Amino acid sequence: MHGVHSLGQVANFKTNSNIPIEKMAIAINSKLKKTIRIVKAEEVDEKFHSRLSCKKKTYRYVINNSQTESALYRNLEYYIPQKLDVKKMEQAAKYFEGEHDFKAFKASGTSRKSSVRTIFQAKVYERENERIVIELTRKWIFI
């Protein structure tokens, strides 16, 4: 996988624009790269901050467990052709739940002081198209 991809990402900004809120997504999308799309725009409380008001984040990792690597999704999923045991992966995922120090996964040069995170839910499931999905949901506290 290359880079970071996001679904359902929330962003906020202040504007004095006269564009009606129901037209804001269309207006912004007309100026963005085609790889970024605004799905919905809405007015929020003045105190709302997309990073600091966030309560949780879910990280999703997808494994293509088929015999053939995908040409279209190759940068969005891991490819492992050897058959994986999803039941054992489901059992192992439960060990991620709780508070753990993820220092070994911390990027070098990061400004975050603590690498301790609390995982509320760890799920592994298989889709019908030979994709295995790993989802880790954690409480988000901006430090």
Protein backbone atom coordinates (compact mmCIF):
# COMPACT_ATOMS: atom_id res chain seq x y z
CA MET A 1 0.00 0.00 0.00
CA HIS A 2 1.18 3.45 -0.77
CA GLY A 3 0.29 6.53 1.23
CA VAL A 4 -2.73 7.03 3.41
CA HIS A 5 -6.30 6.79 2.19
CA SER A 6 -9.34 7.99 4.05
CA LEU A 7 -13.06 7.34 4.06
CA GLY A 8 -15.45 9.51 6.01
CA GLN A 9 -12.80 12.05 6.92
CA VAL A 10 -14.20 15.19 8.52
CA ALA A 11 -12.71 18.63 7.91
CA ASN A 12 -13.80 22.09 8.90
CA PHE A 13 -13.13 25.68 7.94
CA LYS A 14 -14.57 29.10 8.51
CA THR A 15 -15.83 31.12 5.58
CA ASN A 16 -17.64 34.32 4.74
CA SER A 17 -18.79 32.83 1.45
CA ASN A 18 -22.25 33.57 0.07
CA ILE A 19 -22.50 30.05 -1.37
CA PRO A 20 -25.49 28.25 0.19
CA ILE A 21 -24.45 25.32 2.41
CA GLU A 22 -26.33 22.83 0.20
CA LYS A 23 -24.13 23.91 -2.77
CA MET A 24 -20.85 24.08 -0.83
CA ALA A 25 -19.71 20.50 -1.60
CA ILE A 26 -20.25 21.00 -5.33
CA ALA A 27 -18.38 24.31 -5.25
CA ILE A 28 -15.41 22.88 -3.35
CA ASN A 29 -15.26 19.71 -5.49
CA SER A 30 -14.97 21.87 -8.61
CA LYS A 31 -11.61 23.13 -7.28
CA LEU A 32 -10.19 19.88 -5.80
CA LYS A 33 -8.12 17.17 -7.41
CA LYS A 34 -10.29 14.28 -8.66
CA THR A 35 -8.79 12.04 -5.96
CA ILE A 36 -10.48 14.08 -3.22
CA ARG A 37 -14.27 14.44 -3.00
CA ILE A 38 -16.48 16.31 -0.57
CA VAL A 39 -19.60 14.23 0.08
CA LYS A 40 -21.52 16.59 2.33
CA ALA A 41 -21.22 20.05 3.85
CA GLU A 42 -23.04 21.24 6.93
CA GLU A 43 -22.88 24.12 9.36
CA VAL A 44 -21.51 23.27 12.81
CA ASP A 45 -21.07 25.00 16.13
CA GLU A 46 -18.34 27.65 16.17
CA LYS A 47 -16.40 25.59 18.77
CA PHE A 48 -16.30 22.45 16.59
CA HIS A 49 -12.84 21.37 15.43
CA SER A 50 -12.54 18.37 13.12
CA ARG A 51 -9.40 17.01 14.83
CA LEU A 52 -9.91 18.09 18.41
CA SER A 53 -13.62 17.18 18.56
CA CYS A 54 -13.10 13.69 17.14
CA LYS A 55 -14.17 10.91 19.53
CA LYS A 56 -12.91 7.83 17.72
CA LYS A 57 -11.15 6.66 14.60
CA THR A 58 -11.40 3.36 12.77
CA TYR A 59 -8.41 2.14 10.82
CA ARG A 60 -9.20 -0.38 8.09
CA TYR A 61 -6.67 -2.66 6.49
CA VAL A 62 -7.66 -4.81 3.53
CA ILE A 63 -5.85 -7.98 2.46
CA ASN A 64 -6.43 -9.40 -0.99
CA ASN A 65 -6.22 -13.13 -0.23
CA SER A 66 -6.95 -14.35 -3.75
CA GLN A 67 -4.59 -15.99 -6.22
CA THR A 68 -4.44 -12.85 -8.36
CA GLU A 69 -3.27 -9.40 -7.37
CA SER A 70 -5.64 -6.60 -8.30
CA ALA A 71 -4.52 -4.09 -10.89
CA LEU A 72 -7.10 -1.52 -9.74
CA TYR A 73 -6.74 -1.84 -5.96
CA ARG A 74 -3.02 -2.70 -5.70
CA ASN A 75 -2.25 0.60 -3.92
CA LEU A 76 -5.23 0.27 -1.57
CA GLU A 77 -4.76 -3.24 -0.20
CA TYR A 78 -2.13 -5.76 0.82
CA TYR A 79 -1.73 -8.78 -1.42
CA ILE A 80 -1.08 -12.16 0.22
CA PRO A 81 -1.82 -15.14 -2.07
CA GLN A 82 -1.16 -17.77 0.64
CA LYS A 83 -4.50 -18.80 2.18
CA LEU A 84 -4.91 -17.10 5.57
CA ASP A 85 -6.90 -18.56 8.48
CA VAL A 86 -9.54 -15.89 9.12
CA LYS A 87 -10.88 -17.65 12.25
CA LYS A 88 -7.44 -17.52 13.88
CA MET A 89 -7.03 -13.90 12.79
CA GLU A 90 -10.40 -13.08 14.45
CA GLN A 91 -9.20 -14.68 17.69
CA ALA A 92 -5.83 -12.90 17.55
CA ALA A 93 -7.44 -9.51 16.88
CA LYS A 94 -8.97 -9.53 20.38
CA TYR A 95 -5.43 -9.15 21.80
CA PHE A 96 -5.32 -5.65 20.28
CA GLU A 97 -8.27 -4.54 22.43
CA GLY A 98 -7.38 -2.53 25.50
CA GLU A 99 -4.55 -0.12 26.25
CA HIS A 100 -1.21 -0.90 24.61
CA ASP A 101 2.04 0.83 23.76
CA PHE A 102 2.43 0.89 19.97
CA LYS A 103 5.94 2.37 20.05
CA ALA A 104 7.19 -0.19 17.52
CA PHE A 105 4.66 1.19 14.99
CA LYS A 106 5.38 4.86 15.66
CA ALA A 107 6.75 6.83 12.73
CA SER A 108 10.17 8.34 13.30
CA GLY A 109 10.15 12.09 13.75
CA THR A 110 6.53 12.23 14.90
CA SER A 111 5.58 15.04 17.28
CA ARG A 112 3.38 12.79 19.43
CA LYS A 113 4.85 12.21 22.88
CA SER A 114 2.94 9.06 23.78
CA SER A 115 2.60 5.91 21.73
CA VAL A 116 0.07 4.41 24.15
CA ARG A 117 -3.34 3.90 22.56
CA THR A 118 -6.63 2.34 23.64
CA ILE A 119 -8.25 0.03 21.11
CA PHE A 120 -11.97 -0.33 21.82
CA GLN A 121 -12.77 -2.82 19.10
CA ALA A 122 -10.73 -5.08 16.85
CA LYS A 123 -12.57 -6.93 14.10
CA VAL A 124 -11.52 -9.25 11.31
CA TYR A 125 -13.98 -10.38 8.68
CA GLU A 126 -13.92 -11.84 5.21
CA ARG A 127 -15.74 -10.46 2.23
CA GLU A 128 -17.10 -12.69 -0.51
CA ASN A 129 -14.48 -11.43 -2.97
CA GLU A 130 -11.54 -12.99 -1.06
CA ARG A 131 -10.77 -9.79 0.79
CA ILE A 132 -9.99 -9.94 4.50
CA VAL A 133 -10.74 -6.75 6.41
CA ILE A 134 -9.07 -5.80 9.69
CA GLU A 135 -10.66 -2.88 11.56
CA LEU A 136 -9.21 -1.28 14.69
CA THR A 137 -11.31 1.37 16.43
CA ARG A 138 -9.63 3.57 18.96
CA LYS A 139 -10.45 6.51 21.14
CA TRP A 140 -8.96 9.61 19.60
CA ILE A 141 -7.33 12.15 21.87
CA PHE A 142 -5.28 14.83 20.20
CA ILE A 143 -2.01 15.17 22.11
